[in-house]
Amino acid sequence: MAKVALGFVETRGDTGSVVAIDTMVKTANVDLVKKVGIGGGYVTAIIRGEVGAVKSAVDAGAEAAAKVGELVCANVIASAHEDVFNLIGIKK
């Protein structure tokens, strides 16, 4: 089974999140898992795919989000454990 990576881009405000998502899915072969409003105006976009694709997409999405809004953080879990998928409510 191929290793599945998860990518996260967190912004403050919806505009940066939407721009990040658009950029990420256009940059590499990744799937949008979900967009989650976590309160206080913070929004996290979660993607999944092969490690290299997710890394490229998160880098591009974070850069794009920072240009139009407030980027809080960006992170990649290169080989996410099955429990992490369960924690965020998605199937591996």
PDB file of N, CA and C in Angstrom:
ATOM      1  N   MET A   1       0.843  -1.182   0.000  1.00  0.00           N
ATOM      2  CA  MET A   1       0.000   0.000   0.000  1.00  0.00           C
ATOM      3  C   MET A   1       0.887   1.243   0.000  1.00  0.00           C
ATOM      4  N   ALA A   2       0.577   2.187  -0.851  1.00  0.00           N
ATOM      5  CA  ALA A   2       1.351   3.423  -0.939  1.00  0.00           C
ATOM      6  C   ALA A   2       1.154   4.259   0.316  1.00  0.00           C
ATOM      7  N   LYS A   3       2.208   4.949   0.686  1.00  0.00           N
ATOM      8  CA  LYS A   3       2.110   5.835   1.842  1.00  0.00           C
ATOM      9  C   LYS A   3       1.265   7.042   1.472  1.00  0.00           C
ATOM     10  N   VAL A   4       0.376   7.397   2.373  1.00  0.00           N
ATOM     11  CA  VAL A   4      -0.510   8.528   2.138  1.00  0.00           C
ATOM     12  C   VAL A   4      -0.081   9.667   3.050  1.00  0.00           C
ATOM     13  N   ALA A   5       0.150  10.814   2.447  1.00  0.00           N
ATOM     14  CA  ALA A   5       0.522  12.001   3.209  1.00  0.00           C
ATOM     15  C   ALA A   5      -0.700  12.880   3.403  1.00  0.00           C
ATOM     16  N   LEU A   6      -0.698  13.590   4.517  1.00  0.00           N
ATOM     17  CA  LEU A   6      -1.711  14.599   4.778  1.00  0.00           C
ATOM     18  C   LEU A   6      -1.027  15.954   4.800  1.00  0.00           C
ATOM     19  N   GLY A   7      -1.677  16.947   4.227  1.00  0.00           N
ATOM     20  CA  GLY A   7      -1.154  18.313   4.231  1.00  0.00           C
ATOM     21  C   GLY A   7      -2.165  19.251   4.845  1.00  0.00           C
ATOM     22  N   PHE A   8      -1.666  20.197   5.633  1.00  0.00           N
ATOM     23  CA  PHE A   8      -2.521  21.147   6.339  1.00  0.00           C
ATOM     24  C   PHE A   8      -2.049  22.567   6.052  1.00  0.00           C
ATOM     25  N   VAL A   9      -2.979  23.442   5.721  1.00  0.00           N
ATOM     26  CA  VAL A   9      -2.686  24.871   5.617  1.00  0.00           C
ATOM     27  C   VAL A   9      -3.732  25.583   6.465  1.00  0.00           C
ATOM     28  N   GLU A  10      -3.254  26.323   7.460  1.00  0.00           N
ATOM     29  CA  GLU A  10      -4.163  27.047   8.344  1.00  0.00           C
ATOM     30  C   GLU A  10      -4.013  28.536   8.107  1.00  0.00           C
ATOM     31  N   THR A  11      -5.148  29.196   7.984  1.00  0.00           N
ATOM     32  CA  THR A  11      -5.165  30.635   7.750  1.00  0.00           C
ATOM     33  C   THR A  11      -6.093  31.300   8.755  1.00  0.00           C
ATOM     34  N   ARG A  12      -5.946  32.583   8.842  1.00  0.00           N
ATOM     35  CA  ARG A  12      -6.929  33.359   9.592  1.00  0.00           C
ATOM     36  C   ARG A  12      -7.766  34.080   8.544  1.00  0.00           C
ATOM     37  N   GLY A  13      -9.002  33.654   8.410  1.00  0.00           N
ATOM     38  CA  GLY A  13      -9.887  34.208   7.401  1.00  0.00           C
ATOM     39  C   GLY A  13     -10.124  33.221   6.279  1.00  0.00           C
ATOM     40  N   ASP A  14     -11.292  33.320   5.699  1.00  0.00           N
ATOM     41  CA  ASP A  14     -11.721  32.376   4.678  1.00  0.00           C
ATOM     42  C   ASP A  14     -11.062  32.605   3.320  1.00  0.00           C
ATOM     43  N   THR A  15     -10.767  33.837   2.985  1.00  0.00           N
ATOM     44  CA  THR A  15     -10.205  34.129   1.661  1.00  0.00           C
ATOM     45  C   THR A  15      -8.877  33.416   1.451  1.00  0.00           C
ATOM     46  N   GLY A  16      -7.991  33.518   2.417  1.00  0.00           N
ATOM     47  CA  GLY A  16      -6.693  32.840   2.305  1.00  0.00           C
ATOM     48  C   GLY A  16      -6.849  31.340   2.174  1.00  0.00           C
ATOM     49  N   SER A  17      -7.809  30.789   2.885  1.00  0.00           N
ATOM     50  CA  SER A  17      -8.052  29.354   2.830  1.00  0.00           C
ATOM     51  C   SER A  17      -8.534  28.923   1.443  1.00  0.00           C
ATOM     52  N   VAL A  18      -9.461  29.668   0.887  1.00  0.00           N
ATOM     53  CA  VAL A  18      -9.982  29.330  -0.439  1.00  0.00           C
ATOM     54  C   VAL A  18      -8.879  29.449  -1.498  1.00  0.00           C
ATOM     55  N   VAL A  19      -8.077  30.482  -1.397  1.00  0.00           N
ATOM     56  CA  VAL A  19      -6.964  30.646  -2.344  1.00  0.00           C
ATOM     57  C   VAL A  19      -5.957  29.505  -2.185  1.00  0.00           C
ATOM     58  N   ALA A  20      -5.669  29.125  -0.941  1.00  0.00           N
ATOM     59  CA  ALA A  20      -4.738  28.018  -0.695  1.00  0.00           C
ATOM     60  C   ALA A  20      -5.270  26.719  -1.294  1.00  0.00           C
ATOM     61  N   ILE A  21      -6.546  26.442  -1.068  1.00  0.00           N
ATOM     62  CA  ILE A  21      -7.147  25.218  -1.598  1.00  0.00           C
ATOM     63  C   ILE A  21      -7.090  25.201  -3.120  1.00  0.00           C
ATOM     64  N   ASP A  22      -7.482  26.305  -3.740  1.00  0.00           N
ATOM     65  CA  ASP A  22      -7.455  26.393  -5.200  1.00  0.00           C
ATOM     66  C   ASP A  22      -6.049  26.149  -5.729  1.00  0.00           C
ATOM     67  N   THR A  23      -5.078  26.758  -5.104  1.00  0.00           N
ATOM     68  CA  THR A  23      -3.686  26.605  -5.536  1.00  0.00           C
ATOM     69  C   THR A  23      -3.201  25.172  -5.333  1.00  0.00           C
ATOM     70  N   MET A  24      -3.511  24.589  -4.192  1.00  0.00           N
ATOM     71  CA  MET A  24      -3.025  23.234  -3.905  1.00  0.00           C
ATOM     72  C   MET A  24      -3.562  22.208  -4.894  1.00  0.00           C
ATOM     73  N   VAL A  25      -4.858  22.260  -5.182  1.00  0.00           N
ATOM     74  CA  VAL A  25      -5.420  21.252  -6.081  1.00  0.00           C
ATOM     75  C   VAL A  25      -5.007  21.478  -7.533  1.00  0.00           C
ATOM     76  N   LYS A  26      -4.593  22.687  -7.866  1.00  0.00           N
ATOM     77  CA  LYS A  26      -4.096  22.964  -9.213  1.00  0.00           C
ATOM     78  C   LYS A  26      -2.612  22.646  -9.352  1.00  0.00           C
ATOM     79  N   THR A  27      -1.879  22.647  -8.243  1.00  0.00           N
ATOM     80  CA  THR A  27      -0.435  22.461  -8.277  1.00  0.00           C
ATOM     81  C   THR A  27      -0.024  21.007  -8.445  1.00  0.00           C
ATOM     82  N   ALA A  28      -0.730  20.099  -7.793  1.00  0.00           N
ATOM     83  CA  ALA A  28      -0.310  18.698  -7.787  1.00  0.00           C
ATOM     84  C   ALA A  28      -1.531  17.787  -7.728  1.00  0.00           C
ATOM     85  N   ASN A  29      -1.287  16.518  -7.935  1.00  0.00           N
ATOM     86  CA  ASN A  29      -2.353  15.526  -7.911  1.00  0.00           C
ATOM     87  C   ASN A  29      -2.679  15.178  -6.451  1.00  0.00           C
ATOM     88  N   VAL A  30      -3.483  16.029  -5.822  1.00  0.00           N
ATOM     89  CA  VAL A  30      -3.904  15.837  -4.433  1.00  0.00           C
ATOM     90  C   VAL A  30      -5.418  15.940  -4.363  1.00  0.00           C
ATOM     91  N   ASP A  31      -5.963  15.413  -3.289  1.00  0.00           N
ATOM     92  CA  ASP A  31      -7.404  15.482  -3.056  1.00  0.00           C
ATOM     93  C   ASP A  31      -7.667  16.363  -1.851  1.00  0.00           C
ATOM     94  N   LEU A  32      -8.671  17.200  -1.963  1.00  0.00           N
ATOM     95  CA  LEU A  32      -9.114  17.984  -0.824  1.00  0.00           C
ATOM     96  C   LEU A  32      -9.903  17.061   0.092  1.00  0.00           C
ATOM     97  N   VAL A  33      -9.477  16.965   1.345  1.00  0.00           N
ATOM     98  CA  VAL A  33     -10.175  16.134   2.322  1.00  0.00           C
ATOM     99  C   VAL A  33     -11.312  16.932   2.937  1.00  0.00           C
ATOM    100  N   LYS A  34     -10.969  18.095   3.466  1.00  0.00           N
ATOM    101  CA  LYS A  34     -11.995  18.955   4.049  1.00  0.00           C
ATOM    102  C   LYS A  34     -11.420  20.312   4.384  1.00  0.00           C
ATOM    103  N   LYS A  35     -12.326  21.241   4.593  1.00  0.00           N
ATOM    104  CA  LYS A  35     -12.004  22.579   5.076  1.00  0.00           C
ATOM    105  C   LYS A  35     -12.748  22.730   6.385  1.00  0.00           C
ATOM    106  N   VAL A  36     -12.033  23.104   7.438  1.00  0.00           N
ATOM    107  CA  VAL A  36     -12.620  23.131   8.769  1.00  0.00           C
ATOM    108  C   VAL A  36     -12.440  24.512   9.389  1.00  0.00           C
ATOM    109  N   GLY A  37     -13.545  25.121   9.773  1.00  0.00           N
ATOM    110  CA  GLY A  37     -13.485  26.343  10.563  1.00  0.00           C
ATOM    111  C   GLY A  37     -13.285  25.943  12.011  1.00  0.00           C
ATOM    112  N   ILE A  38     -12.222  26.433  12.637  1.00  0.00           N
ATOM    113  CA  ILE A  38     -11.902  25.966  13.987  1.00  0.00           C
ATOM    114  C   ILE A  38     -12.150  27.032  15.043  1.00  0.00           C
ATOM    115  N   GLY A  39     -12.790  28.125  14.651  1.00  0.00           N
ATOM    116  CA  GLY A  39     -13.126  29.180  15.603  1.00  0.00           C
ATOM    117  C   GLY A  39     -12.158  30.337  15.543  1.00  0.00           C
ATOM    118  N   GLY A  40     -12.620  31.495  15.978  1.00  0.00           N
ATOM    119  CA  GLY A  40     -11.772  32.686  16.000  1.00  0.00           C
ATOM    120  C   GLY A  40     -11.323  33.146  14.627  1.00  0.00           C
ATOM    121  N   GLY A  41     -12.016  32.728  13.598  1.00  0.00           N
ATOM    122  CA  GLY A  41     -11.643  33.104  12.236  1.00  0.00           C
ATOM    123  C   GLY A  41     -10.595  32.200  11.617  1.00  0.00           C
ATOM    124  N   TYR A  42     -10.128  31.193  12.342  1.00  0.00           N
ATOM    125  CA  TYR A  42      -9.113  30.279  11.819  1.00  0.00           C
ATOM    126  C   TYR A  42      -9.766  29.185  10.988  1.00  0.00           C
ATOM    127  N   VAL A  43      -9.135  28.885   9.859  1.00  0.00           N
ATOM    128  CA  VAL A  43      -9.646  27.870   8.941  1.00  0.00           C
ATOM    129  C   VAL A  43      -8.480  26.964   8.553  1.00  0.00           C
ATOM    130  N   THR A  44      -8.720  25.656   8.610  1.00  0.00           N
ATOM    131  CA  THR A  44      -7.700  24.688   8.214  1.00  0.00           C
ATOM    132  C   THR A  44      -8.180  23.924   6.991  1.00  0.00           C
ATOM    133  N   ALA A  45      -7.332  23.875   5.972  1.00  0.00           N
ATOM    134  CA  ALA A  45      -7.594  23.088   4.775  1.00  0.00           C
ATOM    135  C   ALA A  45      -6.724  21.841   4.851  1.00  0.00           C
ATOM    136  N   ILE A  46      -7.328  20.683   4.591  1.00  0.00           N
ATOM    137  CA  ILE A  46      -6.610  19.419   4.667  1.00  0.00           C
ATOM    138  C   ILE A  46      -6.658  18.738   3.311  1.00  0.00           C
ATOM    139  N   ILE A  47      -5.472  18.315   2.836  1.00  0.00           N
ATOM    140  CA  ILE A  47      -5.371  17.587   1.568  1.00  0.00           C
ATOM    141  C   ILE A  47      -4.682  16.253   1.825  1.00  0.00           C
ATOM    142  N   ARG A  48      -4.767  15.367   0.831  1.00  0.00           N
ATOM    143  CA  ARG A  48      -4.083  14.084   0.923  1.00  0.00           C
ATOM    144  C   ARG A  48      -3.573  13.677  -0.440  1.00  0.00           C
ATOM    145  N   GLY A  49      -2.572  12.795  -0.451  1.00  0.00           N
ATOM    146  CA  GLY A  49      -2.009  12.300  -1.696  1.00  0.00           C
ATOM    147  C   GLY A  49      -0.640  11.706  -1.442  1.00  0.00           C
ATOM    148  N   GLU A  50       0.109  11.509  -2.506  1.00  0.00           N
ATOM    149  CA  GLU A  50       1.474  11.007  -2.378  1.00  0.00           C
ATOM    150  C   GLU A  50       2.344  12.088  -1.750  1.00  0.00           C
ATOM    151  N   VAL A  51       3.382  11.659  -1.061  1.00  0.00           N
ATOM    152  CA  VAL A  51       4.200  12.568  -0.259  1.00  0.00           C
ATOM    153  C   VAL A  51       4.721  13.760  -1.064  1.00  0.00           C
ATOM    154  N   GLY A  52       5.344  13.520  -2.186  1.00  0.00           N
ATOM    155  CA  GLY A  52       5.905  14.607  -2.989  1.00  0.00           C
ATOM    156  C   GLY A  52       4.857  15.582  -3.478  1.00  0.00           C
ATOM    157  N   ALA A  53       3.724  15.054  -3.887  1.00  0.00           N
ATOM    158  CA  ALA A  53       2.636  15.905  -4.373  1.00  0.00           C
ATOM    159  C   ALA A  53       2.088  16.772  -3.253  1.00  0.00           C
ATOM    160  N   VAL A  54       1.913  16.185  -2.081  1.00  0.00           N
ATOM    161  CA  VAL A  54       1.378  16.944  -0.947  1.00  0.00           C
ATOM    162  C   VAL A  54       2.361  18.027  -0.515  1.00  0.00           C
ATOM    163  N   LYS A  55       3.646  17.704  -0.478  1.00  0.00           N
ATOM    164  CA  LYS A  55       4.648  18.713  -0.100  1.00  0.00           C
ATOM    165  C   LYS A  55       4.636  19.885  -1.070  1.00  0.00           C
ATOM    166  N   SER A  56       4.607  19.591  -2.355  1.00  0.00           N
ATOM    167  CA  SER A  56       4.576  20.658  -3.365  1.00  0.00           C
ATOM    168  C   SER A  56       3.307  21.496  -3.248  1.00  0.00           C
ATOM    169  N   ALA A  57       2.187  20.820  -3.068  1.00  0.00           N
ATOM    170  CA  ALA A  57       0.910  21.516  -2.989  1.00  0.00           C
ATOM    171  C   ALA A  57       0.833  22.401  -1.744  1.00  0.00           C
ATOM    172  N   VAL A  58       1.282  21.899  -0.602  1.00  0.00           N
ATOM    173  CA  VAL A  58       1.239  22.688   0.632  1.00  0.00           C
ATOM    174  C   VAL A  58       2.151  23.906   0.524  1.00  0.00           C
ATOM    175  N   ASP A  59       3.337  23.725  -0.028  1.00  0.00           N
ATOM    176  CA  ASP A  59       4.248  24.866  -0.202  1.00  0.00           C
ATOM    177  C   ASP A  59       3.603  25.946  -1.069  1.00  0.00           C
ATOM    178  N   ALA A  60       3.016  25.530  -2.180  1.00  0.00           N
ATOM    179  CA  ALA A  60       2.391  26.489  -3.091  1.00  0.00           C
ATOM    180  C   ALA A  60       1.150  27.122  -2.453  1.00  0.00           C
ATOM    181  N   GLY A  61       0.345  26.327  -1.772  1.00  0.00           N
ATOM    182  CA  GLY A  61      -0.855  26.839  -1.126  1.00  0.00           C
ATOM    183  C   GLY A  61      -0.538  27.820  -0.015  1.00  0.00           C
ATOM    184  N   ALA A  62       0.480  27.530   0.771  1.00  0.00           N
ATOM    185  CA  ALA A  62       0.882  28.424   1.861  1.00  0.00           C
ATOM    186  C   ALA A  62       1.375  29.758   1.312  1.00  0.00           C
ATOM    187  N   GLU A  63       2.163  29.696   0.263  1.00  0.00           N
ATOM    188  CA  GLU A  63       2.664  30.922  -0.357  1.00  0.00           C
ATOM    189  C   GLU A  63       1.519  31.772  -0.906  1.00  0.00           C
ATOM    190  N   ALA A  64       0.573  31.129  -1.569  1.00  0.00           N
ATOM    191  CA  ALA A  64      -0.567  31.854  -2.138  1.00  0.00           C
ATOM    192  C   ALA A  64      -1.439  32.456  -1.040  1.00  0.00           C
ATOM    193  N   ALA A  65      -1.673  31.701   0.023  1.00  0.00           N
ATOM    194  CA  ALA A  65      -2.502  32.196   1.127  1.00  0.00           C
ATOM    195  C   ALA A  65      -1.868  33.410   1.790  1.00  0.00           C
ATOM    196  N   ALA A  66      -0.559  33.381   1.948  1.00  0.00           N
ATOM    197  CA  ALA A  66       0.159  34.490   2.598  1.00  0.00           C
ATOM    198  C   ALA A  66       0.071  35.777   1.786  1.00  0.00           C
ATOM    199  N   LYS A  67      -0.108  35.655   0.485  1.00  0.00           N
ATOM    200  CA  LYS A  67      -0.196  36.841  -0.373  1.00  0.00           C
ATOM    201  C   LYS A  67      -1.529  37.567  -0.238  1.00  0.00           C
ATOM    202  N   VAL A  68      -2.586  36.831   0.124  1.00  0.00           N
ATOM    203  CA  VAL A  68      -3.916  37.452   0.169  1.00  0.00           C
ATOM    204  C   VAL A  68      -4.492  37.549   1.574  1.00  0.00           C
ATOM    205  N   GLY A  69      -3.861  36.927   2.533  1.00  0.00           N
ATOM    206  CA  GLY A  69      -4.392  36.917   3.890  1.00  0.00           C
ATOM    207  C   GLY A  69      -3.318  36.566   4.891  1.00  0.00           C
ATOM    208  N   GLU A  70      -3.749  36.053   6.024  1.00  0.00           N
ATOM    209  CA  GLU A  70      -2.825  35.713   7.102  1.00  0.00           C
ATOM    210  C   GLU A  70      -2.625  34.200   7.157  1.00  0.00           C
ATOM    211  N   LEU A  71      -1.425  33.766   6.817  1.00  0.00           N
ATOM    212  CA  LEU A  71      -1.056  32.363   6.925  1.00  0.00           C
ATOM    213  C   LEU A  71      -0.652  32.100   8.371  1.00  0.00           C
ATOM    214  N   VAL A  72      -1.259  31.114   8.995  1.00  0.00           N
ATOM    215  CA  VAL A  72      -0.928  30.765  10.377  1.00  0.00           C
ATOM    216  C   VAL A  72       0.145  29.689  10.390  1.00  0.00           C
ATOM    217  N   CYS A  73      -0.073  28.601   9.666  1.00  0.00           N
ATOM    218  CA  CYS A  73       0.939  27.547   9.578  1.00  0.00           C
ATOM    219  C   CYS A  73       0.625  26.617   8.418  1.00  0.00           C
ATOM    220  N   ALA A  74       1.625  25.843   8.044  1.00  0.00           N
ATOM    221  CA  ALA A  74       1.481  24.820   7.014  1.00  0.00           C
ATOM    222  C   ALA A  74       2.305  23.627   7.457  1.00  0.00           C
ATOM    223  N   ASN A  75       1.758  22.437   7.261  1.00  0.00           N
ATOM    224  CA  ASN A  75       2.451  21.248   7.736  1.00  0.00           C
ATOM    225  C   ASN A  75       2.106  20.052   6.864  1.00  0.00           C
ATOM    226  N   VAL A  76       3.035  19.096   6.791  1.00  0.00           N
ATOM    227  CA  VAL A  76       2.827  17.846   6.064  1.00  0.00           C
ATOM    228  C   VAL A  76       3.159  16.695   7.002  1.00  0.00           C
ATOM    229  N   ILE A  77       2.272  15.726   7.060  1.00  0.00           N
ATOM    230  CA  ILE A  77       2.559  14.466   7.736  1.00  0.00           C
ATOM    231  C   ILE A  77       2.817  13.468   6.615  1.00  0.00           C
ATOM    232  N   ALA A  78       4.081  13.100   6.445  1.00  0.00           N
ATOM    233  CA  ALA A  78       4.492  12.340   5.267  1.00  0.00           C
ATOM    234  C   ALA A  78       3.906  10.934   5.197  1.00  0.00           C
ATOM    235  N   SER A  79       3.786  10.278   6.292  1.00  0.00           N
ATOM    236  CA  SER A  79       3.225   8.930   6.290  1.00  0.00           C
ATOM    237  C   SER A  79       2.297   8.822   7.490  1.00  0.00           C
ATOM    238  N   ALA A  80       1.127   9.358   7.330  1.00  0.00           N
ATOM    239  CA  ALA A  80       0.196   9.459   8.447  1.00  0.00           C
ATOM    240  C   ALA A  80      -0.264   8.071   8.915  1.00  0.00           C
ATOM    241  N   HIS A  81      -0.300   7.907  10.211  1.00  0.00           N
ATOM    242  CA  HIS A  81      -0.771   6.664  10.822  1.00  0.00           C
ATOM    243  C   HIS A  81      -2.289   6.588  10.672  1.00  0.00           C
ATOM    244  N   GLU A  82      -2.798   5.384  10.626  1.00  0.00           N
ATOM    245  CA  GLU A  82      -4.237   5.179  10.460  1.00  0.00           C
ATOM    246  C   GLU A  82      -5.048   5.890  11.544  1.00  0.00           C
ATOM    247  N   ASP A  83      -4.510   5.972  12.744  1.00  0.00           N
ATOM    248  CA  ASP A  83      -5.214   6.648  13.836  1.00  0.00           C
ATOM    249  C   ASP A  83      -5.411   8.141  13.557  1.00  0.00           C
ATOM    250  N   VAL A  84      -4.483   8.735  12.827  1.00  0.00           N
ATOM    251  CA  VAL A  84      -4.618  10.154  12.479  1.00  0.00           C
ATOM    252  C   VAL A  84      -5.795  10.341  11.527  1.00  0.00           C
ATOM    253  N   PHE A  85      -5.930   9.448  10.581  1.00  0.00           N
ATOM    254  CA  PHE A  85      -7.074   9.509   9.672  1.00  0.00           C
ATOM    255  C   PHE A  85      -8.378   9.371  10.454  1.00  0.00           C
ATOM    256  N   ASN A  86      -8.399   8.435  11.391  1.00  0.00           N
ATOM    257  CA  ASN A  86      -9.596   8.247  12.223  1.00  0.00           C
ATOM    258  C   ASN A  86      -9.886   9.506  13.048  1.00  0.00           C
ATOM    259  N   LEU A  87      -8.845  10.130  13.563  1.00  0.00           N
ATOM    260  CA  LEU A  87      -8.998  11.321  14.396  1.00  0.00           C
ATOM    261  C   LEU A  87      -9.686  12.452  13.646  1.00  0.00           C
ATOM    262  N   ILE A  88      -9.329  12.632  12.375  1.00  0.00           N
ATOM    263  CA  ILE A  88      -9.929  13.726  11.615  1.00  0.00           C
ATOM    264  C   ILE A  88     -11.155  13.272  10.817  1.00  0.00           C
ATOM    265  N   GLY A  89     -11.540  12.020  10.999  1.00  0.00           N
ATOM    266  CA  GLY A  89     -12.796  11.539  10.433  1.00  0.00           C
ATOM    267  C   GLY A  89     -12.784  11.204   8.963  1.00  0.00           C
ATOM    268  N   ILE A  90     -11.658  10.668   8.470  1.00  0.00           N
ATOM    269  CA  ILE A  90     -11.602  10.254   7.071  1.00  0.00           C
ATOM    270  C   ILE A  90     -11.036   8.842   6.973  1.00  0.00           C
ATOM    271  N   LYS A  91     -11.324   8.177   5.859  1.00  0.00           N
ATOM    272  CA  LYS A  91     -10.783   6.846   5.626  1.00  0.00           C
ATOM    273  C   LYS A  91      -9.455   6.967   4.903  1.00  0.00           C
ATOM    274  N   LYS A  92      -8.536   6.088   5.228  1.00  0.00           N
ATOM    275  CA  LYS A  92      -7.206   6.109   4.613  1.00  0.00           C
ATOM    276  C   LYS A  92      -7.262   5.705   3.173  1.00  0.00           C
TER     277      LYS A  92
END
